[in-house]
Amino acid sequence: MLSTVLSILVLATFALIGGAIWLWRKPGMRQKALLMLVLAAIAMVNVAIWTLPDGAGRSPVGQLGTATDPETGRD
């Protein structure tokens, strides 16, 4: 489920970048284009947070299936 959400987020990022390029060429719309680029950058940082591994080679997406209950220590 999370991989679907991340995929949609990446597609939305590409759409935001394309829309920002299109708006940049219209007079008086540069601020909106910049805001779209900022939103695209935030979305990509979120995708990177969820998918890039840490120093031990573990990513948050990969750890979702191996979560344990903090009280009992069991799945």
N, C-alpha and C. Protein backbone atom coordinates (compact mmCIF):
# COMPACT_ATOMS: atom_id res chain seq x y z
N MET A 1 0.82 -1.19 0.00
CA MET A 1 0.00 0.00 0.00
C MET A 1 0.87 1.26 0.00
N LEU A 2 1.91 1.27 0.86
CA LEU A 2 2.76 2.45 0.93
C LEU A 2 3.53 2.65 -0.37
N SER A 3 3.91 1.56 -1.03
CA SER A 3 4.63 1.72 -2.29
C SER A 3 3.74 2.37 -3.35
N THR A 4 2.44 2.10 -3.30
CA THR A 4 1.50 2.75 -4.23
C THR A 4 1.43 4.24 -3.94
N VAL A 5 1.35 4.59 -2.68
CA VAL A 5 1.29 6.00 -2.29
C VAL A 5 2.57 6.73 -2.72
N LEU A 6 3.71 6.10 -2.50
CA LEU A 6 4.98 6.72 -2.89
C LEU A 6 5.06 6.88 -4.41
N SER A 7 4.56 5.91 -5.16
CA SER A 7 4.55 6.01 -6.62
C SER A 7 3.68 7.16 -7.09
N ILE A 8 2.51 7.30 -6.48
CA ILE A 8 1.62 8.41 -6.84
C ILE A 8 2.26 9.74 -6.48
N LEU A 9 2.97 9.78 -5.36
CA LEU A 9 3.65 11.01 -4.95
C LEU A 9 4.74 11.40 -5.94
N VAL A 10 5.46 10.42 -6.46
CA VAL A 10 6.49 10.72 -7.47
C VAL A 10 5.83 11.23 -8.76
N LEU A 11 4.75 10.60 -9.18
CA LEU A 11 4.03 11.08 -10.37
C LEU A 11 3.48 12.49 -10.17
N ALA A 12 2.96 12.76 -8.97
CA ALA A 12 2.47 14.11 -8.67
C ALA A 12 3.61 15.12 -8.70
N THR A 13 4.80 14.71 -8.28
CA THR A 13 5.95 15.60 -8.31
C THR A 13 6.30 15.97 -9.74
N PHE A 14 6.29 14.98 -10.64
CA PHE A 14 6.56 15.29 -12.04
C PHE A 14 5.49 16.22 -12.61
N ALA A 15 4.24 16.02 -12.23
CA ALA A 15 3.16 16.90 -12.69
C ALA A 15 3.35 18.32 -12.15
N LEU A 16 3.77 18.44 -10.90
CA LEU A 16 4.02 19.76 -10.33
C LEU A 16 5.16 20.47 -11.04
N ILE A 17 6.21 19.74 -11.35
CA ILE A 17 7.34 20.35 -12.07
C ILE A 17 6.90 20.79 -13.47
N GLY A 18 6.15 19.94 -14.15
CA GLY A 18 5.65 20.32 -15.48
C GLY A 18 4.73 21.52 -15.43
N GLY A 19 3.84 21.54 -14.44
CA GLY A 19 2.95 22.68 -14.28
C GLY A 19 3.70 23.96 -13.93
N ALA A 20 4.75 23.83 -13.14
CA ALA A 20 5.54 25.01 -12.79
C ALA A 20 6.26 25.57 -14.01
N ILE A 21 6.77 24.69 -14.85
CA ILE A 21 7.42 25.16 -16.09
C ILE A 21 6.40 25.86 -16.97
N TRP A 22 5.22 25.30 -17.06
CA TRP A 22 4.17 25.90 -17.89
C TRP A 22 3.75 27.26 -17.33
N LEU A 23 3.59 27.35 -16.00
CA LEU A 23 3.19 28.63 -15.39
C LEU A 23 4.30 29.67 -15.45
N TRP A 24 5.54 29.25 -15.41
CA TRP A 24 6.67 30.18 -15.42
C TRP A 24 6.63 31.05 -16.68
N ARG A 25 6.15 30.48 -17.77
CA ARG A 25 6.12 31.22 -19.05
C ARG A 25 4.96 32.20 -19.15
N LYS A 26 3.99 32.11 -18.25
CA LYS A 26 2.86 33.04 -18.27
C LYS A 26 3.21 34.27 -17.45
N PRO A 27 2.87 35.43 -17.93
CA PRO A 27 3.18 36.65 -17.16
C PRO A 27 2.35 36.72 -15.87
N GLY A 28 3.03 37.09 -14.79
CA GLY A 28 2.36 37.27 -13.51
C GLY A 28 2.14 35.99 -12.71
N MET A 29 2.67 34.87 -13.17
CA MET A 29 2.43 33.60 -12.49
C MET A 29 3.71 32.98 -11.92
N ARG A 30 4.76 33.76 -11.84
CA ARG A 30 6.05 33.21 -11.39
C ARG A 30 6.02 32.81 -9.92
N GLN A 31 5.30 33.53 -9.09
CA GLN A 31 5.24 33.16 -7.68
C GLN A 31 4.55 31.81 -7.50
N LYS A 32 3.48 31.59 -8.23
CA LYS A 32 2.79 30.30 -8.15
C LYS A 32 3.67 29.18 -8.68
N ALA A 33 4.43 29.45 -9.71
CA ALA A 33 5.35 28.45 -10.26
C ALA A 33 6.43 28.10 -9.24
N LEU A 34 6.95 29.09 -8.55
CA LEU A 34 7.96 28.83 -7.52
C LEU A 34 7.37 28.02 -6.37
N LEU A 35 6.15 28.33 -5.98
CA LEU A 35 5.51 27.57 -4.91
C LEU A 35 5.28 26.11 -5.33
N MET A 36 4.96 25.89 -6.59
CA MET A 36 4.81 24.52 -7.08
C MET A 36 6.14 23.78 -7.04
N LEU A 37 7.23 24.47 -7.36
CA LEU A 37 8.54 23.84 -7.28
C LEU A 37 8.93 23.52 -5.84
N VAL A 38 8.58 24.40 -4.92
CA VAL A 38 8.85 24.13 -3.51
C VAL A 38 8.06 22.91 -3.05
N LEU A 39 6.80 22.82 -3.44
CA LEU A 39 5.99 21.66 -3.08
C LEU A 39 6.55 20.38 -3.69
N ALA A 40 7.03 20.44 -4.92
CA ALA A 40 7.64 19.27 -5.55
C ALA A 40 8.89 18.85 -4.80
N ALA A 41 9.69 19.81 -4.35
CA ALA A 41 10.90 19.48 -3.60
C ALA A 41 10.54 18.83 -2.26
N ILE A 42 9.52 19.34 -1.59
CA ILE A 42 9.09 18.75 -0.32
C ILE A 42 8.60 17.32 -0.53
N ALA A 43 7.86 17.10 -1.60
CA ALA A 43 7.37 15.75 -1.89
C ALA A 43 8.52 14.79 -2.15
N MET A 44 9.53 15.23 -2.88
CA MET A 44 10.67 14.35 -3.16
C MET A 44 11.49 14.07 -1.89
N VAL A 45 11.59 15.04 -1.01
CA VAL A 45 12.29 14.80 0.26
C VAL A 45 11.52 13.75 1.08
N ASN A 46 10.20 13.82 1.06
CA ASN A 46 9.41 12.81 1.77
C ASN A 46 9.62 11.42 1.18
N VAL A 47 9.66 11.32 -0.13
CA VAL A 47 9.92 10.03 -0.77
C VAL A 47 11.31 9.54 -0.38
N ALA A 48 12.28 10.43 -0.37
CA ALA A 48 13.65 10.04 -0.01
C ALA A 48 13.72 9.57 1.44
N ILE A 49 13.02 10.23 2.33
CA ILE A 49 13.02 9.83 3.74
C ILE A 49 12.49 8.41 3.89
N TRP A 50 11.46 8.08 3.14
CA TRP A 50 10.86 6.75 3.26
C TRP A 50 11.64 5.66 2.55
N THR A 51 12.42 6.00 1.52
CA THR A 51 13.02 4.95 0.71
C THR A 51 14.53 4.80 0.86
N LEU A 52 15.25 5.85 1.22
CA LEU A 52 16.71 5.74 1.30
C LEU A 52 17.12 5.02 2.58
N PRO A 53 18.08 4.12 2.47
CA PRO A 53 18.50 3.38 3.67
C PRO A 53 19.39 4.22 4.58
N ASP A 54 19.45 3.81 5.84
CA ASP A 54 20.33 4.47 6.80
C ASP A 54 21.71 3.81 6.75
N GLY A 55 22.55 4.10 7.71
CA GLY A 55 23.90 3.56 7.73
C GLY A 55 23.94 2.05 7.83
N ALA A 56 22.91 1.45 8.43
CA ALA A 56 22.86 0.00 8.59
C ALA A 56 22.19 -0.69 7.40
N GLY A 57 21.77 0.09 6.41
CA GLY A 57 21.14 -0.49 5.22
C GLY A 57 19.66 -0.75 5.37
N ARG A 58 19.02 -0.14 6.36
CA ARG A 58 17.58 -0.33 6.57
C ARG A 58 16.83 0.92 6.15
N SER A 59 15.75 0.75 5.42
CA SER A 59 14.90 1.88 5.06
C SER A 59 13.58 1.75 5.81
N PRO A 60 12.88 2.86 6.06
CA PRO A 60 11.60 2.77 6.76
C PRO A 60 10.58 1.91 6.02
N VAL A 61 10.59 1.93 4.70
CA VAL A 61 9.65 1.12 3.94
C VAL A 61 9.94 -0.36 4.16
N GLY A 62 11.21 -0.73 4.19
CA GLY A 62 11.57 -2.11 4.40
C GLY A 62 11.30 -2.62 5.79
N GLN A 63 11.20 -1.72 6.75
CA GLN A 63 10.97 -2.11 8.13
C GLN A 63 9.50 -2.23 8.49
N LEU A 64 8.61 -1.83 7.60
CA LEU A 64 7.18 -1.87 7.93
C LEU A 64 6.69 -3.29 8.18
N GLY A 65 7.19 -4.25 7.43
CA GLY A 65 6.72 -5.62 7.60
C GLY A 65 7.32 -6.31 8.79
N THR A 66 8.37 -5.75 9.38
CA THR A 66 9.04 -6.39 10.50
C THR A 66 8.81 -5.65 11.81
N ALA A 67 7.74 -4.90 11.90
CA ALA A 67 7.48 -4.13 13.12
C ALA A 67 7.09 -5.05 14.26
N THR A 68 7.53 -4.73 15.45
CA THR A 68 7.17 -5.48 16.64
C THR A 68 6.47 -4.57 17.63
N ASP A 69 5.70 -5.17 18.49
CA ASP A 69 5.01 -4.44 19.54
C ASP A 69 6.04 -4.00 20.58
N PRO A 70 6.15 -2.72 20.88
CA PRO A 70 7.18 -2.27 21.81
C PRO A 70 6.97 -2.81 23.24
N GLU A 71 5.75 -3.13 23.61
CA GLU A 71 5.49 -3.63 24.97
C GLU A 71 5.84 -5.09 25.11
N THR A 72 5.45 -5.90 24.12
CA THR A 72 5.66 -7.34 24.24
C THR A 72 6.89 -7.83 23.50
N GLY A 73 7.35 -7.08 22.50
CA GLY A 73 8.50 -7.50 21.71
C GLY A 73 8.13 -8.53 20.66
N ARG A 74 6.83 -8.76 20.47
CA ARG A 74 6.38 -9.73 19.46
C ARG A 74 5.72 -9.00 18.29
N ASP A 75 5.55 -9.73 17.18
CA ASP A 75 4.87 -9.18 16.00
C ASP A 75 3.42 -8.95 16.26
